[in-house]
Amino acid sequence: MLPFPPRGLSVCDVTARSSLSRRRASEEDFLAEDGGADGPGSEWGRVAHLCDFNPKTNKQAKDVSRMRSVLISLKQAPLVR
């Protein structure tokens, strides 16, 4: 980061702009990694990609075992509409 912001911009403006550009780049990488699979049947593949189903990954993270079990049960027996 520059020691002084460009003329007419505050430090908060410079920080917000750099943060916004990093988030946009991260989102573009995420969408490119997804492969654009939007067809029927690809929903569970996207869910599995976003969720970590390994229960022993990080001991310091929040306990998400209930959410994991609900997602697995929904995959095995989907809701009927």
PDB file of N, CA and C in Angstrom:
ATOM      1  N   MET A   1       0.838  -1.162   0.000  1.00  0.00           N
ATOM      2  CA  MET A   1       0.000   0.000   0.000  1.00  0.00           C
ATOM      3  C   MET A   1       0.889   1.232   0.000  1.00  0.00           C
ATOM      4  N   LEU A   2       0.436   2.275  -0.636  1.00  0.00           N
ATOM      5  CA  LEU A   2       1.188   3.520  -0.715  1.00  0.00           C
ATOM      6  C   LEU A   2       1.226   4.209   0.641  1.00  0.00           C
ATOM      7  N   PRO A   3       2.307   4.962   0.929  1.00  0.00           N
ATOM      8  CA  PRO A   3       2.352   5.663   2.204  1.00  0.00           C
ATOM      9  C   PRO A   3       1.268   6.741   2.300  1.00  0.00           C
ATOM     10  N   PHE A   4       0.933   7.354   1.177  1.00  0.00           N
ATOM     11  CA  PHE A   4      -0.122   8.363   1.144  1.00  0.00           C
ATOM     12  C   PHE A   4      -1.082   8.016   0.019  1.00  0.00           C
ATOM     13  N   PRO A   5      -2.369   8.188   0.245  1.00  0.00           N
ATOM     14  CA  PRO A   5      -3.329   7.890  -0.821  1.00  0.00           C
ATOM     15  C   PRO A   5      -3.221   8.913  -1.940  1.00  0.00           C
ATOM     16  N   PRO A   6      -3.624   8.538  -3.156  1.00  0.00           N
ATOM     17  CA  PRO A   6      -3.626   9.495  -4.261  1.00  0.00           C
ATOM     18  C   PRO A   6      -4.486  10.706  -3.923  1.00  0.00           C
ATOM     19  N   ARG A   7      -4.218  11.780  -4.593  1.00  0.00           N
ATOM     20  CA  ARG A   7      -4.912  13.041  -4.320  1.00  0.00           C
ATOM     21  C   ARG A   7      -6.420  12.879  -4.485  1.00  0.00           C
ATOM     22  N   GLY A   8      -7.185  13.326  -3.516  1.00  0.00           N
ATOM     23  CA  GLY A   8      -8.636  13.278  -3.575  1.00  0.00           C
ATOM     24  C   GLY A   8      -9.234  12.019  -2.988  1.00  0.00           C
ATOM     25  N   LEU A   9      -8.411  11.059  -2.581  1.00  0.00           N
ATOM     26  CA  LEU A   9      -8.913   9.821  -2.007  1.00  0.00           C
ATOM     27  C   LEU A   9      -8.425   9.682  -0.570  1.00  0.00           C
ATOM     28  N   SER A  10      -9.285   9.177   0.277  1.00  0.00           N
ATOM     29  CA  SER A  10      -8.868   8.932   1.652  1.00  0.00           C
ATOM     30  C   SER A  10      -8.284   7.524   1.748  1.00  0.00           C
ATOM     31  N   VAL A  11      -7.695   7.229   2.883  1.00  0.00           N
ATOM     32  CA  VAL A  11      -7.126   5.900   3.102  1.00  0.00           C
ATOM     33  C   VAL A  11      -8.232   4.849   3.055  1.00  0.00           C
ATOM     34  N   CYS A  12      -9.396   5.183   3.571  1.00  0.00           N
ATOM     35  CA  CYS A  12     -10.526   4.244   3.541  1.00  0.00           C
ATOM     36  C   CYS A  12     -10.956   3.942   2.107  1.00  0.00           C
ATOM     37  N   ASP A  13     -10.951   4.959   1.240  1.00  0.00           N
ATOM     38  CA  ASP A  13     -11.318   4.743  -0.164  1.00  0.00           C
ATOM     39  C   ASP A  13     -10.333   3.808  -0.850  1.00  0.00           C
ATOM     40  N   VAL A  14      -9.061   4.017  -0.600  1.00  0.00           N
ATOM     41  CA  VAL A  14      -8.031   3.174  -1.217  1.00  0.00           C
ATOM     42  C   VAL A  14      -8.163   1.743  -0.709  1.00  0.00           C
ATOM     43  N   THR A  15      -8.376   1.575   0.592  1.00  0.00           N
ATOM     44  CA  THR A  15      -8.531   0.242   1.168  1.00  0.00           C
ATOM     45  C   THR A  15      -9.789  -0.445   0.627  1.00  0.00           C
ATOM     46  N   ALA A  16     -10.878   0.289   0.522  1.00  0.00           N
ATOM     47  CA  ALA A  16     -12.127  -0.290   0.012  1.00  0.00           C
ATOM     48  C   ALA A  16     -11.983  -0.709  -1.448  1.00  0.00           C
ATOM     49  N   ARG A  17     -11.313   0.102  -2.237  1.00  0.00           N
ATOM     50  CA  ARG A  17     -11.132  -0.248  -3.656  1.00  0.00           C
ATOM     51  C   ARG A  17     -10.253  -1.476  -3.818  1.00  0.00           C
ATOM     52  N   SER A  18      -9.177  -1.563  -3.047  1.00  0.00           N
ATOM     53  CA  SER A  18      -8.305  -2.735  -3.170  1.00  0.00           C
ATOM     54  C   SER A  18      -9.023  -3.987  -2.665  1.00  0.00           C
ATOM     55  N   SER A  19      -9.814  -3.848  -1.603  1.00  0.00           N
ATOM     56  CA  SER A  19     -10.582  -4.972  -1.091  1.00  0.00           C
ATOM     57  C   SER A  19     -11.606  -5.439  -2.116  1.00  0.00           C
ATOM     58  N   LEU A  20     -12.269  -4.502  -2.768  1.00  0.00           N
ATOM     59  CA  LEU A  20     -13.262  -4.829  -3.787  1.00  0.00           C
ATOM     60  C   LEU A  20     -12.619  -5.557  -4.964  1.00  0.00           C
ATOM     61  N   SER A  21     -11.463  -5.094  -5.392  1.00  0.00           N
ATOM     62  CA  SER A  21     -10.804  -5.754  -6.524  1.00  0.00           C
ATOM     63  C   SER A  21     -10.340  -7.164  -6.151  1.00  0.00           C
ATOM     64  N   ARG A  22      -9.885  -7.357  -4.904  1.00  0.00           N
ATOM     65  CA  ARG A  22      -9.487  -8.706  -4.465  1.00  0.00           C
ATOM     66  C   ARG A  22     -10.688  -9.639  -4.411  1.00  0.00           C
ATOM     67  N   ARG A  23     -11.826  -9.143  -3.908  1.00  0.00           N
ATOM     68  CA  ARG A  23     -13.033  -9.979  -3.847  1.00  0.00           C
ATOM     69  C   ARG A  23     -13.527 -10.341  -5.242  1.00  0.00           C
ATOM     70  N   ARG A  24     -13.476  -9.387  -6.168  1.00  0.00           N
ATOM     71  CA  ARG A  24     -13.913  -9.684  -7.541  1.00  0.00           C
ATOM     72  C   ARG A  24     -13.020 -10.734  -8.183  1.00  0.00           C
ATOM     73  N   ALA A  25     -11.710 -10.605  -7.982  1.00  0.00           N
ATOM     74  CA  ALA A  25     -10.782 -11.582  -8.545  1.00  0.00           C
ATOM     75  C   ALA A  25     -11.019 -12.957  -7.930  1.00  0.00           C
ATOM     76  N   SER A  26     -11.272 -12.990  -6.631  1.00  0.00           N
ATOM     77  CA  SER A  26     -11.547 -14.255  -5.958  1.00  0.00           C
ATOM     78  C   SER A  26     -12.835 -14.885  -6.472  1.00  0.00           C
ATOM     79  N   GLU A  27     -13.862 -14.065  -6.694  1.00  0.00           N
ATOM     80  CA  GLU A  27     -15.122 -14.579  -7.205  1.00  0.00           C
ATOM     81  C   GLU A  27     -14.967 -15.104  -8.630  1.00  0.00           C
ATOM     82  N   GLU A  28     -14.202 -14.416  -9.456  1.00  0.00           N
ATOM     83  CA  GLU A  28     -13.971 -14.880 -10.828  1.00  0.00           C
ATOM     84  C   GLU A  28     -13.228 -16.201 -10.824  1.00  0.00           C
ATOM     85  N   ASP A  29     -12.248 -16.360  -9.942  1.00  0.00           N
ATOM     86  CA  ASP A  29     -11.524 -17.627  -9.835  1.00  0.00           C
ATOM     87  C   ASP A  29     -12.457 -18.743  -9.395  1.00  0.00           C
ATOM     88  N   PHE A  30     -13.327 -18.432  -8.430  1.00  0.00           N
ATOM     89  CA  PHE A  30     -14.262 -19.431  -7.933  1.00  0.00           C
ATOM     90  C   PHE A  30     -15.226 -19.873  -9.030  1.00  0.00           C
ATOM     91  N   LEU A  31     -15.759 -18.920  -9.783  1.00  0.00           N
ATOM     92  CA  LEU A  31     -16.703 -19.255 -10.852  1.00  0.00           C
ATOM     93  C   LEU A  31     -16.018 -20.005 -11.987  1.00  0.00           C
ATOM     94  N   ALA A  32     -14.774 -19.662 -12.281  1.00  0.00           N
ATOM     95  CA  ALA A  32     -14.047 -20.374 -13.324  1.00  0.00           C
ATOM     96  C   ALA A  32     -13.737 -21.803 -12.888  1.00  0.00           C
ATOM     97  N   GLU A  33     -13.477 -21.989 -11.609  1.00  0.00           N
ATOM     98  CA  GLU A  33     -13.184 -23.312 -11.072  1.00  0.00           C
ATOM     99  C   GLU A  33     -14.414 -24.198 -11.095  1.00  0.00           C
ATOM    100  N   ASP A  34     -15.593 -23.593 -10.926  1.00  0.00           N
ATOM    101  CA  ASP A  34     -16.854 -24.332 -10.906  1.00  0.00           C
ATOM    102  C   ASP A  34     -17.106 -25.006 -12.249  1.00  0.00           C
ATOM    103  N   GLY A  35     -16.678 -24.410 -13.318  1.00  0.00           N
ATOM    104  CA  GLY A  35     -16.863 -24.993 -14.633  1.00  0.00           C
ATOM    105  C   GLY A  35     -18.201 -24.681 -15.253  1.00  0.00           C
ATOM    106  N   GLY A  36     -19.038 -23.936 -14.590  1.00  0.00           N
ATOM    107  CA  GLY A  36     -20.319 -23.542 -15.150  1.00  0.00           C
ATOM    108  C   GLY A  36     -21.301 -24.687 -15.273  1.00  0.00           C
ATOM    109  N   ALA A  37     -21.197 -25.677 -14.422  1.00  0.00           N
ATOM    110  CA  ALA A  37     -22.098 -26.823 -14.472  1.00  0.00           C
ATOM    111  C   ALA A  37     -23.437 -26.419 -13.863  1.00  0.00           C
ATOM    112  N   ASP A  38     -24.381 -26.039 -14.709  1.00  0.00           N
ATOM    113  CA  ASP A  38     -25.681 -25.601 -14.225  1.00  0.00           C
ATOM    114  C   ASP A  38     -26.808 -26.539 -14.648  1.00  0.00           C
ATOM    115  N   GLY A  39     -26.473 -27.651 -15.248  1.00  0.00           N
ATOM    116  CA  GLY A  39     -27.492 -28.564 -15.727  1.00  0.00           C
ATOM    117  C   GLY A  39     -28.127 -29.346 -14.594  1.00  0.00           C
ATOM    118  N   PRO A  40     -29.214 -30.046 -14.907  1.00  0.00           N
ATOM    119  CA  PRO A  40     -29.864 -30.860 -13.882  1.00  0.00           C
ATOM    120  C   PRO A  40     -28.940 -31.993 -13.437  1.00  0.00           C
ATOM    121  N   GLY A  41     -28.927 -32.241 -12.138  1.00  0.00           N
ATOM    122  CA  GLY A  41     -28.090 -33.301 -11.596  1.00  0.00           C
ATOM    123  C   GLY A  41     -26.733 -32.818 -11.122  1.00  0.00           C
ATOM    124  N   SER A  42     -26.406 -31.565 -11.383  1.00  0.00           N
ATOM    125  CA  SER A  42     -25.093 -31.061 -10.970  1.00  0.00           C
ATOM    126  C   SER A  42     -25.146 -30.359  -9.621  1.00  0.00           C
ATOM    127  N   GLU A  43     -26.329 -30.288  -9.015  1.00  0.00           N
ATOM    128  CA  GLU A  43     -26.476 -29.567  -7.758  1.00  0.00           C
ATOM    129  C   GLU A  43     -25.643 -30.198  -6.656  1.00  0.00           C
ATOM    130  N   TRP A  44     -25.705 -31.528  -6.525  1.00  0.00           N
ATOM    131  CA  TRP A  44     -24.978 -32.186  -5.449  1.00  0.00           C
ATOM    132  C   TRP A  44     -23.481 -32.128  -5.665  1.00  0.00           C
ATOM    133  N   GLY A  45     -23.056 -32.061  -6.898  1.00  0.00           N
ATOM    134  CA  GLY A  45     -21.629 -31.890  -7.163  1.00  0.00           C
ATOM    135  C   GLY A  45     -21.136 -30.545  -6.677  1.00  0.00           C
ATOM    136  N   ARG A  46     -21.949 -29.496  -6.876  1.00  0.00           N
ATOM    137  CA  ARG A  46     -21.578 -28.161  -6.389  1.00  0.00           C
ATOM    138  C   ARG A  46     -21.602 -28.111  -4.872  1.00  0.00           C
ATOM    139  N   VAL A  47     -22.596 -28.767  -4.239  1.00  0.00           N
ATOM    140  CA  VAL A  47     -22.669 -28.799  -2.779  1.00  0.00           C
ATOM    141  C   VAL A  47     -21.460 -29.530  -2.215  1.00  0.00           C
ATOM    142  N   ALA A  48     -21.112 -30.650  -2.803  1.00  0.00           N
ATOM    143  CA  ALA A  48     -19.965 -31.417  -2.323  1.00  0.00           C
ATOM    144  C   ALA A  48     -18.669 -30.636  -2.487  1.00  0.00           C
ATOM    145  N   HIS A  49     -18.584 -29.831  -3.531  1.00  0.00           N
ATOM    146  CA  HIS A  49     -17.388 -29.017  -3.748  1.00  0.00           C
ATOM    147  C   HIS A  49     -17.267 -27.920  -2.684  1.00  0.00           C
ATOM    148  N   LEU A  50     -18.389 -27.361  -2.263  1.00  0.00           N
ATOM    149  CA  LEU A  50     -18.377 -26.269  -1.290  1.00  0.00           C
ATOM    150  C   LEU A  50     -18.252 -26.761   0.150  1.00  0.00           C
ATOM    151  N   CYS A  51     -18.711 -27.966   0.433  1.00  0.00           N
ATOM    152  CA  CYS A  51     -18.709 -28.485   1.803  1.00  0.00           C
ATOM    153  C   CYS A  51     -17.550 -29.445   2.010  1.00  0.00           C
ATOM    154  N   ASP A  52     -17.076 -29.465   3.220  1.00  0.00           N
ATOM    155  CA  ASP A  52     -16.034 -30.412   3.592  1.00  0.00           C
ATOM    156  C   ASP A  52     -16.706 -31.527   4.374  1.00  0.00           C
ATOM    157  N   PHE A  53     -16.778 -32.704   3.778  1.00  0.00           N
ATOM    158  CA  PHE A  53     -17.473 -33.812   4.416  1.00  0.00           C
ATOM    159  C   PHE A  53     -16.543 -34.669   5.263  1.00  0.00           C
ATOM    160  N   ASN A  54     -15.293 -34.268   5.403  1.00  0.00           N
ATOM    161  CA  ASN A  54     -14.363 -34.992   6.251  1.00  0.00           C
ATOM    162  C   ASN A  54     -14.521 -34.476   7.679  1.00  0.00           C
ATOM    163  N   PRO A  55     -14.976 -35.303   8.627  1.00  0.00           N
ATOM    164  CA  PRO A  55     -15.248 -34.800   9.975  1.00  0.00           C
ATOM    165  C   PRO A  55     -13.996 -34.497  10.801  1.00  0.00           C
ATOM    166  N   LYS A  56     -12.821 -34.902  10.344  1.00  0.00           N
ATOM    167  CA  LYS A  56     -11.620 -34.725  11.153  1.00  0.00           C
ATOM    168  C   LYS A  56     -10.637 -33.727  10.548  1.00  0.00           C
ATOM    169  N   THR A  57     -11.115 -32.744   9.836  1.00  0.00           N
ATOM    170  CA  THR A  57     -10.202 -31.821   9.172  1.00  0.00           C
ATOM    171  C   THR A  57      -9.597 -30.804  10.119  1.00  0.00           C
ATOM    172  N   ASN A  58     -10.413 -30.084  10.867  1.00  0.00           N
ATOM    173  CA  ASN A  58      -9.907 -29.005  11.690  1.00  0.00           C
ATOM    174  C   ASN A  58     -10.600 -29.043  13.049  1.00  0.00           C
ATOM    175  N   LYS A  59      -9.840 -29.267  14.074  1.00  0.00           N
ATOM    176  CA  LYS A  59     -10.415 -29.375  15.413  1.00  0.00           C
ATOM    177  C   LYS A  59     -10.849 -28.014  15.964  1.00  0.00           C
ATOM    178  N   GLN A  60     -10.295 -26.919  15.455  1.00  0.00           N
ATOM    179  CA  GLN A  60     -10.603 -25.601  15.986  1.00  0.00           C
ATOM    180  C   GLN A  60     -11.766 -24.930  15.265  1.00  0.00           C
ATOM    181  N   ALA A  61     -12.270 -25.550  14.217  1.00  0.00           N
ATOM    182  CA  ALA A  61     -13.384 -24.974  13.467  1.00  0.00           C
ATOM    183  C   ALA A  61     -14.701 -25.265  14.186  1.00  0.00           C
ATOM    184  N   LYS A  62     -15.729 -24.572  13.768  1.00  0.00           N
ATOM    185  CA  LYS A  62     -17.060 -24.769  14.339  1.00  0.00           C
ATOM    186  C   LYS A  62     -17.564 -26.177  14.025  1.00  0.00           C
ATOM    187  N   ASP A  63     -18.337 -26.733  14.932  1.00  0.00           N
ATOM    188  CA  ASP A  63     -18.884 -28.066  14.734  1.00  0.00           C
ATOM    189  C   ASP A  63     -20.035 -27.993  13.739  1.00  0.00           C
ATOM    190  N   VAL A  64     -19.865 -28.611  12.589  1.00  0.00           N
ATOM    191  CA  VAL A  64     -20.882 -28.591  11.539  1.00  0.00           C
ATOM    192  C   VAL A  64     -21.374 -30.010  11.246  1.00  0.00           C
ATOM    193  N   SER A  65     -21.247 -30.892  12.234  1.00  0.00           N
ATOM    194  CA  SER A  65     -21.622 -32.288  12.012  1.00  0.00           C
ATOM    195  C   SER A  65     -23.121 -32.435  11.736  1.00  0.00           C
ATOM    196  N   ARG A  66     -23.934 -31.623  12.391  1.00  0.00           N
ATOM    197  CA  ARG A  66     -25.384 -31.708  12.162  1.00  0.00           C
ATOM    198  C   ARG A  66     -25.711 -31.294  10.731  1.00  0.00           C
ATOM    199  N   MET A  67     -25.118 -30.199  10.265  1.00  0.00           N
ATOM    200  CA  MET A  67     -25.368 -29.752   8.898  1.00  0.00           C
ATOM    201  C   MET A  67     -24.879 -30.804   7.899  1.00  0.00           C
ATOM    202  N   ARG A  68     -23.733 -31.395   8.173  1.00  0.00           N
ATOM    203  CA  ARG A  68     -23.198 -32.426   7.297  1.00  0.00           C
ATOM    204  C   ARG A  68     -24.156 -33.607   7.224  1.00  0.00           C
ATOM    205  N   SER A  69     -24.687 -34.026   8.367  1.00  0.00           N
ATOM    206  CA  SER A  69     -25.600 -35.177   8.363  1.00  0.00           C
ATOM    207  C   SER A  69     -26.912 -34.847   7.656  1.00  0.00           C
ATOM    208  N   VAL A  70     -27.398 -33.609   7.798  1.00  0.00           N
ATOM    209  CA  VAL A  70     -28.628 -33.218   7.096  1.00  0.00           C
ATOM    210  C   VAL A  70     -28.409 -33.217   5.590  1.00  0.00           C
ATOM    211  N   LEU A  71     -27.284 -32.688   5.128  1.00  0.00           N
ATOM    212  CA  LEU A  71     -27.006 -32.671   3.687  1.00  0.00           C
ATOM    213  C   LEU A  71     -26.863 -34.081   3.129  1.00  0.00           C
ATOM    214  N   ILE A  72     -26.200 -34.949   3.863  1.00  0.00           N
ATOM    215  CA  ILE A  72     -26.038 -36.327   3.394  1.00  0.00           C
ATOM    216  C   ILE A  72     -27.385 -37.045   3.348  1.00  0.00           C
ATOM    217  N   SER A  73     -28.234 -36.820   4.369  1.00  0.00           N
ATOM    218  CA  SER A  73     -29.551 -37.472   4.355  1.00  0.00           C
ATOM    219  C   SER A  73     -30.430 -36.927   3.226  1.00  0.00           C
ATOM    220  N   LEU A  74     -30.316 -35.627   2.930  1.00  0.00           N
ATOM    221  CA  LEU A  74     -31.091 -35.065   1.815  1.00  0.00           C
ATOM    222  C   LEU A  74     -30.622 -35.619   0.474  1.00  0.00           C
ATOM    223  N   LYS A  75     -29.336 -35.871   0.349  1.00  0.00           N
ATOM    224  CA  LYS A  75     -28.833 -36.433  -0.901  1.00  0.00           C
ATOM    225  C   LYS A  75     -29.344 -37.868  -1.073  1.00  0.00           C
ATOM    226  N   GLN A  76     -29.364 -38.617   0.024  1.00  0.00           N
ATOM    227  CA  GLN A  76     -29.785 -40.023  -0.066  1.00  0.00           C
ATOM    228  C   GLN A  76     -31.294 -40.163  -0.262  1.00  0.00           C
ATOM    229  N   ALA A  77     -32.076 -39.271   0.357  1.00  0.00           N
ATOM    230  CA  ALA A  77     -33.532 -39.314   0.239  1.00  0.00           C
ATOM    231  C   ALA A  77     -34.048 -37.900  -0.007  1.00  0.00           C
ATOM    232  N   PRO A  78     -34.076 -37.446  -1.261  1.00  0.00           N
ATOM    233  CA  PRO A  78     -34.489 -36.072  -1.551  1.00  0.00           C
ATOM    234  C   PRO A  78     -35.942 -35.821  -1.172  1.00  0.00           C
ATOM    235  N   LEU A  79     -36.240 -34.557  -0.911  1.00  0.00           N
ATOM    236  CA  LEU A  79     -37.601 -34.158  -0.593  1.00  0.00           C
ATOM    237  C   LEU A  79     -38.478 -34.305  -1.843  1.00  0.00           C
ATOM    238  N   VAL A  80     -39.704 -34.743  -1.647  1.00  0.00           N
ATOM    239  CA  VAL A  80     -40.639 -34.901  -2.755  1.00  0.00           C
ATOM    240  C   VAL A  80     -41.533 -33.681  -2.786  1.00  0.00           C
ATOM    241  N   ARG A  81     -41.631 -33.076  -3.928  1.00  0.00           N
ATOM    242  CA  ARG A  81     -42.495 -31.880  -4.073  1.00  0.00           C
ATOM    243  C   ARG A  81     -43.783 -32.225  -4.727  1.00  0.00           C
TER     244      ARG A  81
END
